[in-house]
PDB file of N, CA and C in Angstrom:
ATOM      1  N   MET A   1      76.913 120.982 136.411  1.00  0.00           N
ATOM      2  CA  MET A   1      77.559 119.888 135.721  1.00  0.00           C
ATOM      3  C   MET A   1      76.538 119.177 134.834  1.00  0.00           C
ATOM      4  N   ALA A   2      77.016 118.718 133.706  1.00  0.00           N
ATOM      5  CA  ALA A   2      76.173 118.010 132.759  1.00  0.00           C
ATOM      6  C   ALA A   2      76.768 116.631 132.490  1.00  0.00           C
ATOM      7  N   LEU A   3      75.914 115.702 132.109  1.00  0.00           N
ATOM      8  CA  LEU A   3      76.324 114.334 131.836  1.00  0.00           C
ATOM      9  C   LEU A   3      76.654 114.186 130.353  1.00  0.00           C
ATOM     10  N   PHE A   4      77.752 113.466 130.072  1.00  0.00           N
ATOM     11  CA  PHE A   4      78.180 113.224 128.694  1.00  0.00           C
ATOM     12  C   PHE A   4      78.618 111.778 128.530  1.00  0.00           C
ATOM     13  N   VAL A   5      78.414 111.264 127.315  1.00  0.00           N
ATOM     14  CA  VAL A   5      78.995 109.998 126.899  1.00  0.00           C
ATOM     15  C   VAL A   5      80.025 110.348 125.841  1.00  0.00           C
ATOM     16  N   ALA A   6      81.237 109.860 126.030  1.00  0.00           N
ATOM     17  CA  ALA A   6      82.307 110.134 125.066  1.00  0.00           C
ATOM     18  C   ALA A   6      82.817 108.806 124.518  1.00  0.00           C
ATOM     19  N   GLU A   7      83.193 108.827 123.255  1.00  0.00           N
ATOM     20  CA  GLU A   7      83.749 107.634 122.621  1.00  0.00           C
ATOM     21  C   GLU A   7      84.998 108.031 121.839  1.00  0.00           C
ATOM     22  N   HIS A   8      86.058 107.281 122.070  1.00  0.00           N
ATOM     23  CA  HIS A   8      87.286 107.440 121.280  1.00  0.00           C
ATOM     24  C   HIS A   8      87.485 106.154 120.483  1.00  0.00           C
ATOM     25  N   ARG A   9      87.726 106.308 119.175  1.00  0.00           N
ATOM     26  CA  ARG A   9      87.985 105.160 118.305  1.00  0.00           C
ATOM     27  C   ARG A   9      89.309 105.381 117.584  1.00  0.00           C
ATOM     28  N   HIS A  10      90.038 104.279 117.397  1.00  0.00           N
ATOM     29  CA  HIS A  10      91.277 104.336 116.633  1.00  0.00           C
ATOM     30  C   HIS A  10      91.471 103.001 115.925  1.00  0.00           C
ATOM     31  N   SER A  11      92.320 103.002 114.938  1.00  0.00           N
ATOM     32  CA  SER A  11      92.617 101.767 114.214  1.00  0.00           C
ATOM     33  C   SER A  11      93.608 100.939 115.023  1.00  0.00           C
ATOM     34  N   ALA A  12      93.685  99.669 114.700  1.00  0.00           N
ATOM     35  CA  ALA A  12      94.649  98.786 115.362  1.00  0.00           C
ATOM     36  C   ALA A  12      96.072  99.283 115.131  1.00  0.00           C
ATOM     37  N   GLU A  13      96.324  99.830 113.965  1.00  0.00           N
ATOM     38  CA  GLU A  13      97.664 100.321 113.631  1.00  0.00           C
ATOM     39  C   GLU A  13      98.060 101.536 114.471  1.00  0.00           C
ATOM     40  N   HIS A  14      97.089 102.286 114.948  1.00  0.00           N
ATOM     41  CA  HIS A  14      97.357 103.489 115.744  1.00  0.00           C
ATOM     42  C   HIS A  14      96.952 103.335 117.204  1.00  0.00           C
ATOM     43  N   CYS A  15      96.890 102.103 117.680  1.00  0.00           N
ATOM     44  CA  CYS A  15      96.459 101.859 119.059  1.00  0.00           C
ATOM     45  C   CYS A  15      97.455 102.465 120.045  1.00  0.00           C
ATOM     46  N   PRO A  16      97.022 103.433 120.842  1.00  0.00           N
ATOM     47  CA  PRO A  16      97.943 104.071 121.779  1.00  0.00           C
ATOM     48  C   PRO A  16      98.420 103.151 122.893  1.00  0.00           C
ATOM     49  N   ALA A  17      97.711 102.042 123.139  1.00  0.00           N
ATOM     50  CA  ALA A  17      98.128 101.114 124.185  1.00  0.00           C
ATOM     51  C   ALA A  17      99.480 100.481 123.863  1.00  0.00           C
ATOM     52  N   SER A  18      99.833 100.426 122.589  1.00  0.00           N
ATOM     53  CA  SER A  18     101.103  99.824 122.184  1.00  0.00           C
ATOM     54  C   SER A  18     102.243 100.834 122.130  1.00  0.00           C
ATOM     55  N   ASN A  19     101.945 102.099 122.403  1.00  0.00           N
ATOM     56  CA  ASN A  19     102.960 103.147 122.364  1.00  0.00           C
ATOM     57  C   ASN A  19     103.472 103.405 123.780  1.00  0.00           C
ATOM     58  N   PRO A  20     104.751 103.100 124.057  1.00  0.00           N
ATOM     59  CA  PRO A  20     105.263 103.212 125.427  1.00  0.00           C
ATOM     60  C   PRO A  20     105.280 104.632 125.991  1.00  0.00           C
ATOM     61  N   GLN A  21     105.226 105.636 125.142  1.00  0.00           N
ATOM     62  CA  GLN A  21     105.155 107.018 125.630  1.00  0.00           C
ATOM     63  C   GLN A  21     103.703 107.484 125.769  1.00  0.00           C
ATOM     64  N   MET A  22     102.895 107.164 124.783  1.00  0.00           N
ATOM     65  CA  MET A  22     101.519 107.654 124.747  1.00  0.00           C
ATOM     66  C   MET A  22     100.617 106.937 125.748  1.00  0.00           C
ATOM     67  N   ALA A  23     100.763 105.637 125.902  1.00  0.00           N
ATOM     68  CA  ALA A  23      99.863 104.858 126.758  1.00  0.00           C
ATOM     69  C   ALA A  23      99.824 105.370 128.196  1.00  0.00           C
ATOM     70  N   PRO A  24     100.970 105.552 128.864  1.00  0.00           N
ATOM     71  CA  PRO A  24     100.914 106.053 130.244  1.00  0.00           C
ATOM     72  C   PRO A  24     100.349 107.469 130.332  1.00  0.00           C
ATOM     73  N   PHE A  25     100.641 108.288 129.328  1.00  0.00           N
ATOM     74  CA  PHE A  25     100.128 109.661 129.314  1.00  0.00           C
ATOM     75  C   PHE A  25      98.602 109.663 129.245  1.00  0.00           C
ATOM     76  N   LEU A  26      98.038 108.853 128.341  1.00  0.00           N
ATOM     77  CA  LEU A  26      96.580 108.825 128.196  1.00  0.00           C
ATOM     78  C   LEU A  26      95.912 108.200 129.416  1.00  0.00           C
ATOM     79  N   LEU A  27      96.539 107.190 129.995  1.00  0.00           N
ATOM     80  CA  LEU A  27      95.995 106.584 131.208  1.00  0.00           C
ATOM     81  C   LEU A  27      95.964 107.602 132.345  1.00  0.00           C
ATOM     82  N   GLN A  28      97.020 108.382 132.472  1.00  0.00           N
ATOM     83  CA  GLN A  28      97.078 109.424 133.500  1.00  0.00           C
ATOM     84  C   GLN A  28      95.999 110.487 133.260  1.00  0.00           C
ATOM     85  N   LEU A  29      95.756 110.809 131.982  1.00  0.00           N
ATOM     86  CA  LEU A  29      94.733 111.794 131.628  1.00  0.00           C
ATOM     87  C   LEU A  29      93.360 111.382 132.156  1.00  0.00           C
ATOM     88  N   LEU A  30      93.097 110.072 132.171  1.00  0.00           N
ATOM     89  CA  LEU A  30      91.806 109.563 132.632  1.00  0.00           C
ATOM     90  C   LEU A  30      91.707 109.468 134.153  1.00  0.00           C
ATOM     91  N   SER A  31      92.804 109.690 134.859  1.00  0.00           N
ATOM     92  CA  SER A  31      92.792 109.588 136.322  1.00  0.00           C
ATOM     93  C   SER A  31      91.909 110.681 136.928  1.00  0.00           C
ATOM     94  N   ALA A  32      91.345 110.383 138.079  1.00  0.00           N
ATOM     95  CA  ALA A  32      90.442 111.329 138.753  1.00  0.00           C
ATOM     96  C   ALA A  32      91.099 112.683 139.020  1.00  0.00           C
ATOM     97  N   PRO A  33      92.340 112.734 139.521  1.00  0.00           N
ATOM     98  CA  PRO A  33      92.943 114.042 139.800  1.00  0.00           C
ATOM     99  C   PRO A  33      93.144 114.894 138.541  1.00  0.00           C
ATOM    100  N   VAL A  34      93.587 114.275 137.454  1.00  0.00           N
ATOM    101  CA  VAL A  34      93.815 115.044 136.226  1.00  0.00           C
ATOM    102  C   VAL A  34      92.483 115.470 135.619  1.00  0.00           C
ATOM    103  N   ALA A  35      91.508 114.566 135.592  1.00  0.00           N
ATOM    104  CA  ALA A  35      90.187 114.924 135.070  1.00  0.00           C
ATOM    105  C   ALA A  35      89.594 116.079 135.871  1.00  0.00           C
ATOM    106  N   ALA A  36      89.748 116.037 137.188  1.00  0.00           N
ATOM    107  CA  ALA A  36      89.206 117.092 138.054  1.00  0.00           C
ATOM    108  C   ALA A  36      89.812 118.452 137.736  1.00  0.00           C
ATOM    109  N   LYS A  37      91.067 118.476 137.331  1.00  0.00           N
ATOM    110  CA  LYS A  37      91.696 119.751 136.950  1.00  0.00           C
ATOM    111  C   LYS A  37      90.995 120.386 135.758  1.00  0.00           C
ATOM    112  N   HIS A  38      90.306 119.571 134.977  1.00  0.00           N
ATOM    113  CA  HIS A  38      89.549 120.055 133.814  1.00  0.00           C
ATOM    114  C   HIS A  38      88.066 120.224 134.146  1.00  0.00           C
ATOM    115  N   GLY A  39      87.708 120.020 135.414  1.00  0.00           N
ATOM    116  CA  GLY A  39      86.313 120.128 135.820  1.00  0.00           C
ATOM    117  C   GLY A  39      85.501 118.898 135.470  1.00  0.00           C
ATOM    118  N   ILE A  40      86.168 117.771 135.236  1.00  0.00           N
ATOM    119  CA  ILE A  40      85.516 116.548 134.779  1.00  0.00           C
ATOM    120  C   ILE A  40      85.494 115.520 135.903  1.00  0.00           C
ATOM    121  N   THR A  41      84.382 114.818 136.042  1.00  0.00           N
ATOM    122  CA  THR A  41      84.275 113.656 136.919  1.00  0.00           C
ATOM    123  C   THR A  41      84.012 112.446 136.042  1.00  0.00           C
ATOM    124  N   VAL A  42      84.886 111.449 136.124  1.00  0.00           N
ATOM    125  CA  VAL A  42      84.719 110.227 135.349  1.00  0.00           C
ATOM    126  C   VAL A  42      83.892 109.244 136.171  1.00  0.00           C
ATOM    127  N   HIS A  43      82.738 108.872 135.647  1.00  0.00           N
ATOM    128  CA  HIS A  43      81.877 107.900 136.317  1.00  0.00           C
ATOM    129  C   HIS A  43      82.245 106.474 135.924  1.00  0.00           C
ATOM    130  N   SER A  44      82.581 106.296 134.657  1.00  0.00           N
ATOM    131  CA  SER A  44      82.919 104.963 134.188  1.00  0.00           C
ATOM    132  C   SER A  44      83.705 105.063 132.895  1.00  0.00           C
ATOM    133  N   GLU A  45      84.558 104.071 132.683  1.00  0.00           N
ATOM    134  CA  GLU A  45      85.302 103.984 131.430  1.00  0.00           C
ATOM    135  C   GLU A  45      85.499 102.517 131.112  1.00  0.00           C
ATOM    136  N   ALA A  46      85.504 102.199 129.829  1.00  0.00           N
ATOM    137  CA  ALA A  46      85.726 100.824 129.393  1.00  0.00           C
ATOM    138  C   ALA A  46      86.197 100.828 127.945  1.00  0.00           C
ATOM    139  N   VAL A  47      86.996  99.823 127.626  1.00  0.00           N
ATOM    140  CA  VAL A  47      87.437  99.608 126.253  1.00  0.00           C
ATOM    141  C   VAL A  47      86.826  98.290 125.789  1.00  0.00           C
ATOM    142  N   ALA A  48      86.148  98.338 124.658  1.00  0.00           N
ATOM    143  CA  ALA A  48      85.570  97.118 124.090  1.00  0.00           C
ATOM    144  C   ALA A  48      86.712  96.241 123.592  1.00  0.00           C
ATOM    145  N   ARG A  49      86.791  95.034 124.094  1.00  0.00           N
ATOM    146  CA  ARG A  49      87.899  94.130 123.758  1.00  0.00           C
ATOM    147  C   ARG A  49      88.027  93.919 122.256  1.00  0.00           C
ATOM    148  N   GLY A  50      89.227  94.170 121.780  1.00  0.00           N
ATOM    149  CA  GLY A  50      89.543  93.945 120.378  1.00  0.00           C
ATOM    150  C   GLY A  50      88.912  94.926 119.411  1.00  0.00           C
ATOM    151  N   GLN A  51      88.197  95.912 119.916  1.00  0.00           N
ATOM    152  CA  GLN A  51      87.470  96.839 119.044  1.00  0.00           C
ATOM    153  C   GLN A  51      88.121  98.205 118.917  1.00  0.00           C
ATOM    154  N   HIS A  52      89.077  98.519 119.778  1.00  0.00           N
ATOM    155  CA  HIS A  52      89.763  99.814 119.746  1.00  0.00           C
ATOM    156  C   HIS A  52      88.775 100.971 119.916  1.00  0.00           C
ATOM    157  N   HIS A  53      87.818 100.768 120.835  1.00  0.00           N
ATOM    158  CA  HIS A  53      86.830 101.785 121.185  1.00  0.00           C
ATOM    159  C   HIS A  53      86.880 101.988 122.697  1.00  0.00           C
ATOM    160  N   LEU A  54      87.078 103.234 123.118  1.00  0.00           N
ATOM    161  CA  LEU A  54      87.036 103.613 124.531  1.00  0.00           C
ATOM    162  C   LEU A  54      85.728 104.354 124.760  1.00  0.00           C
ATOM    163  N   TYR A  55      84.985 103.937 125.778  1.00  0.00           N
ATOM    164  CA  TYR A  55      83.724 104.589 126.140  1.00  0.00           C
ATOM    165  C   TYR A  55      83.879 105.213 127.517  1.00  0.00           C
ATOM    166  N   LEU A  56      83.371 106.424 127.677  1.00  0.00           N
ATOM    167  CA  LEU A  56      83.440 107.141 128.948  1.00  0.00           C
ATOM    168  C   LEU A  56      82.075 107.718 129.279  1.00  0.00           C
ATOM    169  N   ILE A  57      81.728 107.692 130.554  1.00  0.00           N
ATOM    170  CA  ILE A  57      80.566 108.416 131.061  1.00  0.00           C
ATOM    171  C   ILE A  57      81.128 109.407 132.061  1.00  0.00           C
ATOM    172  N   VAL A  58      80.917 110.691 131.788  1.00  0.00           N
ATOM    173  CA  VAL A  58      81.526 111.739 132.595  1.00  0.00           C
ATOM    174  C   VAL A  58      80.537 112.863 132.878  1.00  0.00           C
ATOM    175  N   ASP A  59      80.814 113.590 133.943  1.00  0.00           N
ATOM    176  CA  ASP A  59      80.168 114.875 134.197  1.00  0.00           C
ATOM    177  C   ASP A  59      81.181 115.946 133.877  1.00  0.00           C
ATOM    178  N   GLY A  60      80.720 117.028 133.287  1.00  0.00           N
ATOM    179  CA  GLY A  60      81.601 118.144 132.986  1.00  0.00           C
ATOM    180  C   GLY A  60      80.815 119.429 132.883  1.00  0.00           C
ATOM    181  N   PRO A  61      81.515 120.544 132.898  1.00  0.00           N
ATOM    182  CA  PRO A  61      80.820 121.834 132.827  1.00  0.00           C
ATOM    183  C   PRO A  61      80.082 122.048 131.507  1.00  0.00           C
ATOM    184  N   ASP A  62      80.678 121.549 130.409  1.00  0.00           N
ATOM    185  CA  ASP A  62      80.054 121.666 129.088  1.00  0.00           C
ATOM    186  C   ASP A  62      80.804 120.773 128.102  1.00  0.00           C
ATOM    187  N   GLU A  63      80.263 120.656 126.904  1.00  0.00           N
ATOM    188  CA  GLU A  63      80.861 119.799 125.884  1.00  0.00           C
ATOM    189  C   GLU A  63      82.274 120.255 125.538  1.00  0.00           C
ATOM    190  N   LYS A  64      82.482 121.545 125.468  1.00  0.00           N
ATOM    191  CA  LYS A  64      83.802 122.071 125.121  1.00  0.00           C
ATOM    192  C   LYS A  64      84.854 121.607 126.129  1.00  0.00           C
ATOM    193  N   ALA A  65      84.536 121.632 127.404  1.00  0.00           N
ATOM    194  CA  ALA A  65      85.485 121.212 128.436  1.00  0.00           C
ATOM    195  C   ALA A  65      85.829 119.729 128.279  1.00  0.00           C
ATOM    196  N   VAL A  66      84.831 118.909 127.971  1.00  0.00           N
ATOM    197  CA  VAL A  66      85.076 117.473 127.789  1.00  0.00           C
ATOM    198  C   VAL A  66      85.950 117.258 126.558  1.00  0.00           C
ATOM    199  N   ARG A  67      85.656 117.952 125.477  1.00  0.00           N
ATOM    200  CA  ARG A  67      86.461 117.822 124.257  1.00  0.00           C
ATOM    201  C   ARG A  67      87.896 118.290 124.486  1.00  0.00           C
ATOM    202  N   THR A  68      88.075 119.369 125.215  1.00  0.00           N
ATOM    203  CA  THR A  68      89.419 119.874 125.500  1.00  0.00           C
ATOM    204  C   THR A  68      90.202 118.855 126.310  1.00  0.00           C
ATOM    205  N   TRP A  69      89.562 118.274 127.329  1.00  0.00           N
ATOM    206  CA  TRP A  69      90.199 117.255 128.164  1.00  0.00           C
ATOM    207  C   TRP A  69      90.609 116.041 127.338  1.00  0.00           C
ATOM    208  N   LEU A  70      89.764 115.622 126.403  1.00  0.00           N
ATOM    209  CA  LEU A  70      90.022 114.433 125.600  1.00  0.00           C
ATOM    210  C   LEU A  70      90.829 114.711 124.328  1.00  0.00           C
ATOM    211  N   ALA A  71      91.216 115.941 124.084  1.00  0.00           N
ATOM    212  CA  ALA A  71      91.924 116.304 122.851  1.00  0.00           C
ATOM    213  C   ALA A  71      93.146 115.425 122.563  1.00  0.00           C
ATOM    214  N   PRO A  72      93.944 115.027 123.552  1.00  0.00           N
ATOM    215  CA  PRO A  72      95.093 114.168 123.232  1.00  0.00           C
ATOM    216  C   PRO A  72      94.697 112.842 122.576  1.00  0.00           C
ATOM    217  N   PHE A  73      93.510 112.333 122.852  1.00  0.00           N
ATOM    218  CA  PHE A  73      93.065 111.093 122.226  1.00  0.00           C
ATOM    219  C   PHE A  73      92.853 111.275 120.720  1.00  0.00           C
ATOM    220  N   ALA A  74      92.568 112.493 120.293  1.00  0.00           N
ATOM    221  CA  ALA A  74      92.337 112.765 118.878  1.00  0.00           C
ATOM    222  C   ALA A  74      93.612 112.567 118.051  1.00  0.00           C
ATOM    223  N   GLN A  75      94.763 112.534 118.705  1.00  0.00           N
ATOM    224  CA  GLN A  75      96.016 112.280 117.980  1.00  0.00           C
ATOM    225  C   GLN A  75      96.055 110.858 117.422  1.00  0.00           C
ATOM    226  N   ALA A  76      95.309 109.949 118.046  1.00  0.00           N
ATOM    227  CA  ALA A  76      95.317 108.542 117.637  1.00  0.00           C
ATOM    228  C   ALA A  76      94.058 108.138 116.880  1.00  0.00           C
ATOM    229  N   GLY A  77      93.041 108.979 116.881  1.00  0.00           N
ATOM    230  CA  GLY A  77      91.785 108.605 116.228  1.00  0.00           C
ATOM    231  C   GLY A  77      90.721 109.661 116.446  1.00  0.00           C
ATOM    232  N   SER A  78      89.479 109.226 116.468  1.00  0.00           N
ATOM    233  CA  SER A  78      88.365 110.169 116.600  1.00  0.00           C
ATOM    234  C   SER A  78      87.880 110.246 118.047  1.00  0.00           C
ATOM    235  N   VAL A  79      87.251 111.367 118.361  1.00  0.00           N
ATOM    236  CA  VAL A  79      86.630 111.577 119.673  1.00  0.00           C
ATOM    237  C   VAL A  79      85.230 112.145 119.422  1.00  0.00           C
ATOM    238  N   ASP A  80      84.227 111.464 119.955  1.00  0.00           N
ATOM    239  CA  ASP A  80      82.849 111.951 119.892  1.00  0.00           C
ATOM    240  C   ASP A  80      82.376 112.214 121.317  1.00  0.00           C
ATOM    241  N   VAL A  81      81.688 113.330 121.508  1.00  0.00           N
ATOM    242  CA  VAL A  81      81.146 113.687 122.818  1.00  0.00           C
ATOM    243  C   VAL A  81      79.664 113.983 122.631  1.00  0.00           C
ATOM    244  N   LEU A  82      78.833 113.268 123.386  1.00  0.00           N
ATOM    245  CA  LEU A  82      77.383 113.436 123.270  1.00  0.00           C
ATOM    246  C   LEU A  82      76.786 113.835 124.608  1.00  0.00           C
ATOM    247  N   ALA A  83      75.934 114.859 124.601  1.00  0.00           N
ATOM    248  CA  ALA A  83      75.174 115.202 125.802  1.00  0.00           C
ATOM    249  C   ALA A  83      74.283 114.012 126.132  1.00  0.00           C
ATOM    250  N   ALA A  84      74.149 113.706 127.413  1.00  0.00           N
ATOM    251  CA  ALA A  84      73.414 112.514 127.822  1.00  0.00           C
ATOM    252  C   ALA A  84      72.501 112.824 129.001  1.00  0.00           C
ATOM    253  N   SER A  85      71.654 111.860 129.306  1.00  0.00           N
ATOM    254  CA  SER A  85      70.758 111.937 130.453  1.00  0.00           C
ATOM    255  C   SER A  85      70.728 110.583 131.132  1.00  0.00           C
ATOM    256  N   ALA A  86      70.534 110.595 132.433  1.00  0.00           N
ATOM    257  CA  ALA A  86      70.322 109.353 133.171  1.00  0.00           C
ATOM    258  C   ALA A  86      68.938 108.799 132.785  1.00  0.00           C
ATOM    259  N   CYS A  87      68.787 107.499 132.879  1.00  0.00           N
ATOM    260  CA  CYS A  87      67.516 106.865 132.500  1.00  0.00           C
ATOM    261  C   CYS A  87      66.334 107.439 133.264  1.00  0.00           C
ATOM    262  N   GLU A  88      66.527 107.732 134.542  1.00  0.00           N
ATOM    263  CA  GLU A  88      65.439 108.295 135.357  1.00  0.00           C
ATOM    264  C   GLU A  88      64.967 109.638 134.793  1.00  0.00           C
ATOM    265  N   GLU A  89      65.894 110.455 134.316  1.00  0.00           N
ATOM    266  CA  GLU A  89      65.524 111.744 133.720  1.00  0.00           C
ATOM    267  C   GLU A  89      64.727 111.546 132.433  1.00  0.00           C
ATOM    268  N   VAL A  90      65.138 110.572 131.634  1.00  0.00           N
ATOM    269  CA  VAL A  90      64.447 110.290 130.373  1.00  0.00           C
ATOM    270  C   VAL A  90      63.010 109.866 130.654  1.00  0.00           C
ATOM    271  N   VAL A  91      62.823 108.982 131.613  1.00  0.00           N
ATOM    272  CA  VAL A  91      61.482 108.513 131.955  1.00  0.00           C
ATOM    273  C   VAL A  91      60.649 109.652 132.525  1.00  0.00           C
ATOM    274  N   ALA A  92      61.253 110.481 133.365  1.00  0.00           N
ATOM    275  CA  ALA A  92      60.524 111.592 133.979  1.00  0.00           C
ATOM    276  C   ALA A  92      60.012 112.584 132.930  1.00  0.00           C
ATOM    277  N   ARG A  93      60.786 112.814 131.888  1.00  0.00           N
ATOM    278  CA  ARG A  93      60.336 113.766 130.860  1.00  0.00           C
ATOM    279  C   ARG A  93      59.553 113.084 129.744  1.00  0.00           C
ATOM    280  N   GLY A  94      59.542 111.744 129.734  1.00  0.00           N
ATOM    281  CA  GLY A  94      58.733 110.979 128.794  1.00  0.00           C
ATOM    282  C   GLY A  94      59.292 110.877 127.396  1.00  0.00           C
ATOM    283  N   GLN A  95      60.585 111.135 127.231  1.00  0.00           N
ATOM    284  CA  GLN A  95      61.211 110.980 125.929  1.00  0.00           C
ATOM    285  C   GLN A  95      62.729 110.982 126.054  1.00  0.00           C
ATOM    286  N   CYS A  96      63.369 110.366 125.063  1.00  0.00           N
ATOM    287  CA  CYS A  96      64.842 110.346 125.041  1.00  0.00           C
ATOM    288  C   CYS A  96      65.306 111.673 124.590  1.00  0.00           C
TER     289      CYS A  96
END
């Protein structure tokens, strides 16, 4: 498993939270059981208030698996997935 930081951004006009069909679907997608079906473990998730940005810290088999899991979010905006490291790993190797 590898660590990833994912970010989903959308405009206020396309906010899925205001869509009565899309909002529950996307919330369910982030649930532990559904994420696990994709080989993903969600460590943390948060939405920046008023910014329409969702941030996720997840473990997954690879970037492709994380992108596939988050693909429904791309219907409302962008999805970025970045390989990441825990701070302890960064310090141990002496560089970001």
